[in-house]
C-alpha atoms as a PDB file:
ATOM      1  CA  MET A   1      42.752-130.355 112.288  1.00  0.00           C
ATOM      2  CA  ILE A   2      43.511-130.237 116.011  1.00  0.00           C
ATOM      3  CA  LEU A   3      44.202-133.512 118.063  1.00  0.00           C
ATOM      4  CA  LEU A   4      42.727-132.962 121.664  1.00  0.00           C
ATOM      5  CA  ALA A   5      44.367-135.618 123.977  1.00  0.00           C
ATOM      6  CA  GLY A   6      42.637-135.689 127.321  1.00  0.00           C
ATOM      7  CA  GLY A   7      39.256-134.496 126.095  1.00  0.00           C
ATOM      8  CA  THR A   8      37.022-136.525 128.352  1.00  0.00           C
ATOM      9  CA  GLY A   9      37.891-135.257 131.686  1.00  0.00           C
ATOM     10  CA  THR A  10      36.396-132.200 133.340  1.00  0.00           C
ATOM     11  CA  LEU A  11      38.789-129.776 131.677  1.00  0.00           C
ATOM     12  CA  GLY A  12      38.512-131.725 128.395  1.00  0.00           C
ATOM     13  CA  GLY A  13      34.829-131.474 128.289  1.00  0.00           C
ATOM     14  CA  VAL A  14      34.931-127.717 128.404  1.00  0.00           C
ATOM     15  CA  LEU A  15      37.759-127.760 125.710  1.00  0.00           C
ATOM     16  CA  VAL A  16      35.385-129.866 123.547  1.00  0.00           C
ATOM     17  CA  HIS A  17      32.610-127.343 123.744  1.00  0.00           C
ATOM     18  CA  THR A  18      34.910-124.256 123.352  1.00  0.00           C
ATOM     19  CA  LEU A  19      36.650-125.604 120.221  1.00  0.00           C
ATOM     20  CA  ARG A  20      33.343-126.705 118.547  1.00  0.00           C
ATOM     21  CA  ASP A  21      31.947-123.137 119.362  1.00  0.00           C
ATOM     22  CA  ALA A  22      35.038-121.679 117.800  1.00  0.00           C
ATOM     23  CA  ASN A  23      34.473-123.659 114.753  1.00  0.00           C
ATOM     24  CA  MET A  24      38.001-125.240 115.006  1.00  0.00           C
ATOM     25  CA  PRO A  25      37.976-128.802 113.517  1.00  0.00           C
ATOM     26  CA  PHE A  26      39.332-131.182 116.111  1.00  0.00           C
ATOM     27  CA  ARG A  27      39.755-134.861 116.859  1.00  0.00           C
ATOM     28  CA  VAL A  28      39.511-136.331 120.463  1.00  0.00           C
ATOM     29  CA  LEU A  29      42.010-139.043 121.557  1.00  0.00           C
ATOM     30  CA  THR A  30      40.628-141.148 124.373  1.00  0.00           C
ATOM     31  CA  ARG A  31      41.386-144.459 126.055  1.00  0.00           C
ATOM     32  CA  SER A  32      37.862-145.132 126.880  1.00  0.00           C
ATOM     33  CA  SER A  33      35.622-146.955 124.418  1.00  0.00           C
ATOM     34  CA  HIS A  34      32.515-146.033 126.506  1.00  0.00           C
ATOM     35  CA  ARG A  35      33.482-142.158 126.414  1.00  0.00           C
ATOM     36  CA  ALA A  36      34.479-142.472 122.712  1.00  0.00           C
ATOM     37  CA  ALA A  37      30.797-143.839 121.972  1.00  0.00           C
ATOM     38  CA  SER A  38      29.088-140.810 123.644  1.00  0.00           C
ATOM     39  CA  LEU A  39      31.409-138.351 121.841  1.00  0.00           C
ATOM     40  CA  LYS A  40      30.592-140.088 118.464  1.00  0.00           C
ATOM     41  CA  VAL A  41      26.877-139.715 119.194  1.00  0.00           C
ATOM     42  CA  ALA A  42      27.438-136.042 119.556  1.00  0.00           C
ATOM     43  CA  GLY A  43      29.045-136.010 116.038  1.00  0.00           C
ATOM     44  CA  LEU A  44      32.692-135.651 117.085  1.00  0.00           C
ATOM     45  CA  ASP A  45      35.672-137.166 115.401  1.00  0.00           C
ATOM     46  CA  VAL A  46      37.145-139.575 117.986  1.00  0.00           C
ATOM     47  CA  VAL A  47      40.144-142.034 118.053  1.00  0.00           C
ATOM     48  CA  ILE A  48      40.375-144.713 120.613  1.00  0.00           C
ATOM     49  CA  GLY A  49      44.043-144.926 121.752  1.00  0.00           C
ATOM     50  CA  ASP A  50      46.730-144.361 124.269  1.00  0.00           C
ATOM     51  CA  ALA A  51      49.217-141.442 124.065  1.00  0.00           C
ATOM     52  CA  ALA A  52      51.753-143.958 125.344  1.00  0.00           C
ATOM     53  CA  ASN A  53      51.452-146.183 122.144  1.00  0.00           C
ATOM     54  CA  PRO A  54      53.078-144.855 118.893  1.00  0.00           C
ATOM     55  CA  ALA A  55      50.903-146.969 116.757  1.00  0.00           C
ATOM     56  CA  ASP A  56      47.718-145.288 118.230  1.00  0.00           C
ATOM     57  CA  LEU A  57      49.324-141.856 117.832  1.00  0.00           C
ATOM     58  CA  THR A  58      50.020-142.587 114.077  1.00  0.00           C
ATOM     59  CA  ARG A  59      46.159-142.941 113.449  1.00  0.00           C
ATOM     60  CA  ALA A  60      45.209-139.943 115.714  1.00  0.00           C
ATOM     61  CA  LEU A  61      47.708-137.460 114.341  1.00  0.00           C
ATOM     62  CA  SER A  62      46.889-138.254 110.798  1.00  0.00           C
ATOM     63  CA  GLY A  63      46.249-134.970 109.056  1.00  0.00           C
ATOM     64  CA  CYS A  64      46.661-132.872 112.317  1.00  0.00           C
ATOM     65  CA  THR A  65      48.566-129.532 112.418  1.00  0.00           C
ATOM     66  CA  ALA A  66      48.182-128.808 116.135  1.00  0.00           C
ATOM     67  CA  VAL A  67      47.981-130.938 119.416  1.00  0.00           C
ATOM     68  CA  VAL A  68      46.345-129.862 122.752  1.00  0.00           C
ATOM     69  CA  SER A  69      47.457-132.181 125.444  1.00  0.00           C
ATOM     70  CA  ALA A  70      45.325-132.198 128.725  1.00  0.00           C
ATOM     71  CA  ILE A  71      46.205-135.702 129.729  1.00  0.00           C
ATOM     72  CA  SER A  72      47.143-136.506 133.254  1.00  0.00           C
ATOM     73  CA  GLY A  73      47.953-139.605 135.468  1.00  0.00           C
ATOM     74  CA  PHE A  74      47.198-138.120 138.894  1.00  0.00           C
ATOM     75  CA  GLY A  75      43.729-139.090 139.855  1.00  0.00           C
ATOM     76  CA  PRO A  76      42.734-142.687 140.771  1.00  0.00           C
ATOM     77  CA  GLN A  77      40.382-142.902 137.757  1.00  0.00           C
ATOM     78  CA  SER A  78      43.351-142.354 135.280  1.00  0.00           C
ATOM     79  CA  GLY A  79      44.580-146.064 136.016  1.00  0.00           C
ATOM     80  CA  SER A  80      48.145-144.722 135.640  1.00  0.00           C
ATOM     81  CA  THR A  81      50.778-142.553 137.202  1.00  0.00           C
ATOM     82  CA  PRO A  82      52.189-139.149 136.752  1.00  0.00           C
ATOM     83  CA  PRO A  83      55.579-140.395 135.531  1.00  0.00           C
ATOM     84  CA  ALA A  84      53.673-142.565 133.024  1.00  0.00           C
ATOM     85  CA  VAL A  85      51.341-140.014 131.650  1.00  0.00           C
ATOM     86  CA  ASP A  86      52.223-136.353 132.733  1.00  0.00           C
ATOM     87  CA  ARG A  87      55.869-136.982 131.719  1.00  0.00           C
ATOM     88  CA  ASP A  88      56.355-140.062 129.349  1.00  0.00           C
ATOM     89  CA  ALA A  89      53.094-140.157 127.478  1.00  0.00           C
ATOM     90  CA  ASN A  90      53.200-136.381 126.918  1.00  0.00           C
ATOM     91  CA  ILE A  91      56.880-136.780 125.784  1.00  0.00           C
ATOM     92  CA  ASN A  92      55.892-139.671 123.405  1.00  0.00           C
ATOM     93  CA  LEU A  93      53.040-137.454 122.028  1.00  0.00           C
ATOM     94  CA  MET A  94      55.393-134.647 121.310  1.00  0.00           C
ATOM     95  CA  GLU A  95      57.894-136.904 119.698  1.00  0.00           C
ATOM     96  CA  SER A  96      55.145-138.506 117.703  1.00  0.00           C
ATOM     97  CA  ALA A  97      53.817-135.036 116.682  1.00  0.00           C
ATOM     98  CA  GLU A  98      57.235-134.101 115.522  1.00  0.00           C
ATOM     99  CA  ARG A  99      57.402-137.228 113.115  1.00  0.00           C
ATOM    100  CA  ALA A 100      53.910-136.548 111.837  1.00  0.00           C
ATOM    101  CA  GLY A 101      54.662-133.022 110.768  1.00  0.00           C
ATOM    102  CA  VAL A 102      52.426-131.330 113.292  1.00  0.00           C
ATOM    103  CA  ARG A 103      53.460-127.710 113.563  1.00  0.00           C
ATOM    104  CA  GLN A 104      52.070-126.766 117.104  1.00  0.00           C
ATOM    105  CA  PHE A 105      51.847-128.345 120.471  1.00  0.00           C
ATOM    106  CA  ILE A 106      50.000-126.746 123.559  1.00  0.00           C
ATOM    107  CA  HIS A 107      50.771-128.476 126.836  1.00  0.00           C
ATOM    108  CA  PHE A 108      48.748-128.209 130.173  1.00  0.00           C
ATOM    109  CA  SER A 109      51.163-128.118 133.055  1.00  0.00           C
ATOM    110  CA  MET A 110      50.540-126.616 136.410  1.00  0.00           C
ATOM    111  CA  HIS A 111      51.269-123.465 138.248  1.00  0.00           C
ATOM    112  CA  GLY A 112      54.644-123.686 140.110  1.00  0.00           C
ATOM    113  CA  ALA A 113      55.731-126.706 138.128  1.00  0.00           C
ATOM    114  CA  SER A 114      59.470-127.223 138.945  1.00  0.00           C
ATOM    115  CA  PRO A 115      61.978-130.147 139.324  1.00  0.00           C
ATOM    116  CA  SER A 116      61.718-129.490 143.172  1.00  0.00           C
ATOM    117  CA  HIS A 117      58.063-129.128 143.653  1.00  0.00           C
ATOM    118  CA  PRO A 118      56.573-131.320 146.475  1.00  0.00           C
ATOM    119  CA  LEU A 119      54.031-132.887 144.232  1.00  0.00           C
ATOM    120  CA  GLU A 120      55.173-135.607 141.896  1.00  0.00           C
ATOM    121  CA  VAL A 121      52.778-134.533 139.177  1.00  0.00           C
ATOM    122  CA  ALA A 122      54.221-131.004 139.139  1.00  0.00           C
ATOM    123  CA  ARG A 123      57.723-132.461 138.710  1.00  0.00           C
ATOM    124  CA  MET A 124      56.558-134.749 135.830  1.00  0.00           C
ATOM    125  CA  LYS A 125      54.746-131.891 134.173  1.00  0.00           C
ATOM    126  CA  TYR A 126      57.917-129.798 134.224  1.00  0.00           C
ATOM    127  CA  ALA A 127      60.029-132.623 132.750  1.00  0.00           C
ATOM    128  CA  ALA A 128      57.404-132.738 129.817  1.00  0.00           C
ATOM    129  CA  GLU A 129      57.605-128.992 129.642  1.00  0.00           C
ATOM    130  CA  GLN A 130      61.353-129.057 129.117  1.00  0.00           C
ATOM    131  CA  ARG A 131      61.094-131.599 126.276  1.00  0.00           C
ATOM    132  CA  LEU A 132      58.729-129.434 124.485  1.00  0.00           C
ATOM    133  CA  MET A 133      60.677-126.364 124.738  1.00  0.00           C
ATOM    134  CA  ALA A 134      63.693-128.074 123.544  1.00  0.00           C
ATOM    135  CA  GLY A 135      62.002-129.698 120.487  1.00  0.00           C
ATOM    136  CA  ARG A 136      61.071-128.600 117.008  1.00  0.00           C
ATOM    137  CA  LEU A 137      57.541-127.750 117.405  1.00  0.00           C
ATOM    138  CA  ASP A 138      55.986-124.270 117.901  1.00  0.00           C
ATOM    139  CA  TRP A 139      54.643-124.530 121.462  1.00  0.00           C
ATOM    140  CA  ALA A 140      52.676-122.855 124.365  1.00  0.00           C
ATOM    141  CA  VAL A 141      52.608-124.169 127.857  1.00  0.00           C
ATOM    142  CA  ILE A 142      49.579-123.120 130.056  1.00  0.00           C
ATOM    143  CA  ARG A 143      50.124-123.452 133.684  1.00  0.00           C
ATOM    144  CA  PRO A 144      46.847-123.369 135.619  1.00  0.00           C
ATOM    145  CA  THR A 145      46.367-122.562 139.295  1.00  0.00           C
ATOM    146  CA  THR A 146      43.655-124.940 140.938  1.00  0.00           C
ATOM    147  CA  ILE A 147      41.027-125.850 138.402  1.00  0.00           C
ATOM    148  CA  LEU A 148      37.699-124.784 139.809  1.00  0.00           C
ATOM    149  CA  GLU A 149      35.609-127.224 138.126  1.00  0.00           C
ATOM    150  CA  THR A 150      37.568-130.249 139.043  1.00  0.00           C
ATOM    151  CA  TYR A 151      37.515-129.391 142.756  1.00  0.00           C
ATOM    152  CA  THR A 152      33.914-128.423 142.810  1.00  0.00           C
ATOM    153  CA  ALA A 153      32.858-131.578 140.850  1.00  0.00           C
ATOM    154  CA  ILE A 154      34.347-133.746 143.769  1.00  0.00           C
ATOM    155  CA  MET A 155      33.027-131.540 146.463  1.00  0.00           C
ATOM    156  CA  GLY A 156      29.456-131.182 144.658  1.00  0.00           C
ATOM    157  CA  ASP A 157      29.325-135.005 144.267  1.00  0.00           C
ATOM    158  CA  SER A 158      29.858-135.610 147.731  1.00  0.00           C
ATOM    159  CA  LEU A 159      27.155-132.840 148.843  1.00  0.00           C
ATOM    160  CA  ARG A 160      24.715-134.538 146.428  1.00  0.00           C
ATOM    161  CA  LYS A 161      25.253-138.141 147.807  1.00  0.00           C
ATOM    162  CA  SER A 162      25.896-137.531 151.425  1.00  0.00           C
ATOM    163  CA  GLY A 163      25.214-133.723 152.122  1.00  0.00           C
ATOM    164  CA  VAL A 164      28.765-133.325 153.291  1.00  0.00           C
ATOM    165  CA  ALA A 165      31.285-130.849 151.795  1.00  0.00           C
ATOM    166  CA  VAL A 166      34.771-132.101 152.697  1.00  0.00           C
ATOM    167  CA  VAL A 167      37.182-129.263 153.590  1.00  0.00           C
ATOM    168  CA  PHE A 168      40.876-130.081 153.994  1.00  0.00           C
ATOM    169  CA  GLY A 169      42.375-128.641 157.059  1.00  0.00           C
ATOM    170  CA  HIS A 170      41.038-125.683 158.882  1.00  0.00           C
ATOM    171  CA  GLY A 171      39.567-124.282 155.618  1.00  0.00           C
ATOM    172  CA  ASP A 172      40.943-120.698 155.905  1.00  0.00           C
ATOM    173  CA  ASN A 173      43.784-121.164 153.668  1.00  0.00           C
ATOM    174  CA  PRO A 174      43.123-119.105 150.528  1.00  0.00           C
ATOM    175  CA  VAL A 175      43.416-120.818 147.159  1.00  0.00           C
ATOM    176  CA  ASN A 176      43.510-119.335 143.767  1.00  0.00           C
ATOM    177  CA  PHE A 177      40.900-121.023 141.519  1.00  0.00           C
ATOM    178  CA  VAL A 178      40.704-120.760 137.780  1.00  0.00           C
ATOM    179  CA  SER A 179      37.879-121.639 135.739  1.00  0.00           C
ATOM    180  CA  ALA A 180      38.109-124.102 132.904  1.00  0.00           C
ATOM    181  CA  LEU A 181      36.312-121.610 130.970  1.00  0.00           C
ATOM    182  CA  ASP A 182      39.421-119.233 131.200  1.00  0.00           C
ATOM    183  CA  LEU A 183      41.649-122.116 130.228  1.00  0.00           C
ATOM    184  CA  ALA A 184      39.730-123.011 127.134  1.00  0.00           C
ATOM    185  CA  GLY A 185      39.769-119.389 126.066  1.00  0.00           C
ATOM    186  CA  ALA A 186      43.673-119.466 126.621  1.00  0.00           C
ATOM    187  CA  VAL A 187      43.791-122.582 124.421  1.00  0.00           C
ATOM    188  CA  VAL A 188      41.972-120.729 121.539  1.00  0.00           C
ATOM    189  CA  LEU A 189      44.255-117.912 121.862  1.00  0.00           C
ATOM    190  CA  ALA A 190      47.298-120.202 121.580  1.00  0.00           C
ATOM    191  CA  LEU A 191      45.907-121.998 118.567  1.00  0.00           C
ATOM    192  CA  ARG A 192      45.490-118.643 116.906  1.00  0.00           C
ATOM    193  CA  GLY A 193      49.126-117.789 117.415  1.00  0.00           C
ATOM    194  CA  GLY A 194      48.682-115.536 120.401  1.00  0.00           C
ATOM    195  CA  LEU A 195      51.009-117.392 122.750  1.00  0.00           C
ATOM    196  CA  GLY A 196      53.841-118.443 120.340  1.00  0.00           C
ATOM    197  CA  ASN A 197      56.582-120.138 122.323  1.00  0.00           C
ATOM    198  CA  GLN A 198      55.636-118.784 125.669  1.00  0.00           C
ATOM    199  CA  ALA A 199      54.810-120.364 129.034  1.00  0.00           C
ATOM    200  CA  VAL A 200      51.944-118.539 130.789  1.00  0.00           C
ATOM    201  CA  ASP A 201      50.507-118.966 134.415  1.00  0.00           C
ATOM    202  CA  VAL A 202      46.897-118.715 134.269  1.00  0.00           C
ATOM    203  CA  GLY A 203      44.887-118.163 137.378  1.00  0.00           C
ATOM    204  CA  GLY A 204      41.579-116.720 138.389  1.00  0.00           C
ATOM    205  CA  PRO A 205      40.591-113.368 140.098  1.00  0.00           C
ATOM    206  CA  ASP A 206      39.630-115.052 143.478  1.00  0.00           C
ATOM    207  CA  ASN A 207      41.939-116.201 146.327  1.00  0.00           C
ATOM    208  CA  MET A 208      39.152-118.022 148.188  1.00  0.00           C
ATOM    209  CA  PRO A 209      39.374-119.967 151.382  1.00  0.00           C
ATOM    210  CA  LEU A 210      37.914-123.424 151.095  1.00  0.00           C
ATOM    211  CA  ASN A 211      35.484-122.728 153.789  1.00  0.00           C
ATOM    212  CA  GLU A 212      34.020-119.917 151.403  1.00  0.00           C
ATOM    213  CA  LEU A 213      33.897-122.222 148.648  1.00  0.00           C
ATOM    214  CA  ALA A 214      32.341-124.944 150.623  1.00  0.00           C
ATOM    215  CA  ALA A 215      29.606-122.486 151.595  1.00  0.00           C
ATOM    216  CA  LEU A 216      28.793-121.501 148.134  1.00  0.00           C
ATOM    217  CA  LEU A 217      28.387-125.034 147.034  1.00  0.00           C
ATOM    218  CA  ILE A 218      26.182-125.830 150.051  1.00  0.00           C
ATOM    219  CA  GLU A 219      24.116-122.836 149.051  1.00  0.00           C
ATOM    220  CA  ARG A 220      23.985-123.947 145.510  1.00  0.00           C
ATOM    221  CA  ASN A 221      23.098-127.539 146.533  1.00  0.00           C
ATOM    222  CA  GLY A 222      20.365-126.211 148.789  1.00  0.00           C
ATOM    223  CA  ARG A 223      21.403-128.444 151.579  1.00  0.00           C
ATOM    224  CA  GLY A 224      24.411-129.917 153.465  1.00  0.00           C
ATOM    225  CA  ARG A 225      27.236-128.954 155.772  1.00  0.00           C
ATOM    226  CA  ALA A 226      30.966-128.665 155.833  1.00  0.00           C
ATOM    227  CA  VAL A 227      33.228-131.340 157.418  1.00  0.00           C
ATOM    228  CA  HIS A 228      36.810-130.480 158.237  1.00  0.00           C
ATOM    229  CA  ILE A 229      39.643-133.253 158.004  1.00  0.00           C
ATOM    230  CA  PRO A 230      42.553-132.184 160.103  1.00  0.00           C
ATOM    231  CA  LEU A 231      45.714-131.952 158.166  1.00  0.00           C
ATOM    232  CA  PRO A 232      47.661-134.286 160.494  1.00  0.00           C
ATOM    233  CA  LEU A 233      44.969-136.967 159.757  1.00  0.00           C
ATOM    234  CA  LEU A 234      45.324-136.272 156.127  1.00  0.00           C
ATOM    235  CA  ARG A 235      49.090-136.676 156.240  1.00  0.00           C
ATOM    236  CA  ALA A 236      48.947-139.969 157.989  1.00  0.00           C
ATOM    237  CA  ALA A 237      46.249-141.141 155.493  1.00  0.00           C
ATOM    238  CA  ALA A 238      48.335-140.175 152.733  1.00  0.00           C
ATOM    239  CA  GLU A 239      51.427-141.970 153.972  1.00  0.00           C
ATOM    240  CA  GLY A 240      49.456-145.071 154.668  1.00  0.00           C
ATOM    241  CA  ALA A 241      47.529-144.921 151.220  1.00  0.00           C
ATOM    242  CA  ARG A 242      51.024-144.685 149.371  1.00  0.00           C
ATOM    243  CA  LEU A 243      51.797-148.247 150.695  1.00  0.00           C
ATOM    244  CA  VAL A 244      48.660-149.897 149.653  1.00  0.00           C
ATOM    245  CA  ALA A 245      46.696-147.598 147.093  1.00  0.00           C
ATOM    246  CA  PRO A 246      49.378-145.240 145.596  1.00  0.00           C
ATOM    247  CA  SER A 247      46.865-143.455 143.459  1.00  0.00           C
ATOM    248  CA  TRP A 248      44.810-142.421 146.558  1.00  0.00           C
ATOM    249  CA  GLY A 249      48.093-141.652 148.379  1.00  0.00           C
ATOM    250  CA  ARG A 250      48.684-139.139 145.511  1.00  0.00           C
ATOM    251  CA  VAL A 251      45.268-137.534 145.940  1.00  0.00           C
ATOM    252  CA  LEU A 252      45.402-137.274 149.765  1.00  0.00           C
ATOM    253  CA  GLY A 253      48.984-135.755 149.346  1.00  0.00           C
ATOM    254  CA  GLY A 254      47.439-133.167 147.025  1.00  0.00           C
ATOM    255  CA  ALA A 255      44.796-132.494 149.558  1.00  0.00           C
ATOM    256  CA  VAL A 256      47.393-131.657 152.193  1.00  0.00           C
ATOM    257  CA  HIS A 257      49.219-129.473 149.809  1.00  0.00           C
ATOM    258  CA  LEU A 258      45.942-127.600 149.009  1.00  0.00           C
ATOM    259  CA  GLY A 259      45.213-127.138 152.755  1.00  0.00           C
ATOM    260  CA  ALA A 260      48.647-126.039 153.919  1.00  0.00           C
ATOM    261  CA  ALA A 261      50.846-124.491 151.139  1.00  0.00           C
ATOM    262  CA  ASP A 262      50.599-120.880 149.826  1.00  0.00           C
ATOM    263  CA  MET A 263      47.921-121.408 147.113  1.00  0.00           C
ATOM    264  CA  THR A 264      47.429-117.675 146.523  1.00  0.00           C
ATOM    265  CA  PHE A 265      48.339-115.976 143.127  1.00  0.00           C
ATOM    266  CA  ASP A 266      47.981-112.435 141.745  1.00  0.00           C
ATOM    267  CA  ALA A 267      46.758-113.292 138.346  1.00  0.00           C
ATOM    268  CA  ALA A 268      46.125-109.847 136.938  1.00  0.00           C
ATOM    269  CA  PRO A 269      49.616-109.030 135.765  1.00  0.00           C
ATOM    270  CA  GLU A 270      50.001-112.330 133.787  1.00  0.00           C
ATOM    271  CA  ARG A 271      46.600-111.737 132.116  1.00  0.00           C
ATOM    272  CA  ILE A 272      48.057-108.978 130.135  1.00  0.00           C
ATOM    273  CA  ARG A 273      49.363-111.730 128.014  1.00  0.00           C
ATOM    274  CA  LEU A 274      46.048-113.037 127.298  1.00  0.00           C
ATOM    275  CA  PRO A 275      43.939-110.662 125.478  1.00  0.00           C
ATOM    276  CA  GLY A 276      40.388-111.601 125.060  1.00  0.00           C
ATOM    277  CA  VAL A 277      40.582-114.531 127.325  1.00  0.00           C
ATOM    278  CA  PRO A 278      37.754-114.512 130.038  1.00  0.00           C
ATOM    279  CA  PHE A 279      38.749-113.837 133.709  1.00  0.00           C
ATOM    280  CA  THR A 280      35.803-115.533 135.493  1.00  0.00           C
ATOM    281  CA  PRO A 281      35.099-115.150 139.175  1.00  0.00           C
ATOM    282  CA  VAL A 282      34.118-118.216 141.155  1.00  0.00           C
ATOM    283  CA  ARG A 283      30.402-117.197 141.581  1.00  0.00           C
ATOM    284  CA  GLU A 284      30.137-116.568 137.862  1.00  0.00           C
ATOM    285  CA  ALA A 285      31.799-119.884 136.947  1.00  0.00           C
ATOM    286  CA  LEU A 286      29.380-121.636 139.457  1.00  0.00           C
ATOM    287  CA  ALA A 287      26.317-119.713 137.909  1.00  0.00           C
ATOM    288  CA  VAL A 288      27.423-120.924 134.459  1.00  0.00           C
ATOM    289  CA  ALA A 289      27.759-124.683 135.665  1.00  0.00           C
ATOM    290  CA  ASP A 290      24.078-124.281 136.846  1.00  0.00           C
ATOM    291  CA  ARG A 291      22.659-123.266 133.403  1.00  0.00           C
ATOM    292  CA  PRO A 292      21.025-125.988 131.373  1.00  0.00           C
ATOM    293  CA  ALA A 293      23.290-127.362 128.560  1.00  0.00           C
END
């Protein structure tokens, strides 16, 4: 039995489908009773609980031999913070897994995670990585570049509601986008022992400017236009939001990073370590998202 923590987000939804299609028995840990109800309707094994609560984890980990952690406290909908979730809850989950006799732990970090990364979430994920690597569990760390479906869900929702695709900065900054389909494939490979005690950066084949991605999404939506938010305005908004709405301050700070930092990545060399894992171009991933479920 596999425990999937973080199985109700954008990435988590793809992981649920992939594990089910691979006939791998799994249980989902979620804090949301509403989301738990919809998963149970689909016939899934679900535990309502918090990765920060050892008592909840005792129930969730019962009978499990592996854990996949895709939890995060970055976004405003998480209701928490990167130190509380990306570092502390992940470490609590690792320690509880050790006590429960779990053998394997797969941790979602992020490309470039380090103790000096400008984004707090990357520093917290790095701290969790270090605890995992120093522990008793067999492990794998998956470090995605920018997850395509997370970004397109936000931009696509804005397009559907207001006809506007928001682009951070001038929009010419290339970004490496990786599909959640590829990440789910890397998880299956890791669960089958193909990434034993390794950390791997997982990117996609496309380094795509935000303007190009916006154009693709506008075409897919059938209408809309791109609106650019200048980086100086984003920086000022991020600083102000940190004082009154820290979660939005984090999101806006992430937007500044996406629009200004070097977000390119040559994924091909690292892909040698991922045999059988899909290498999905942006256009193909968007086409998959358009297919009926």
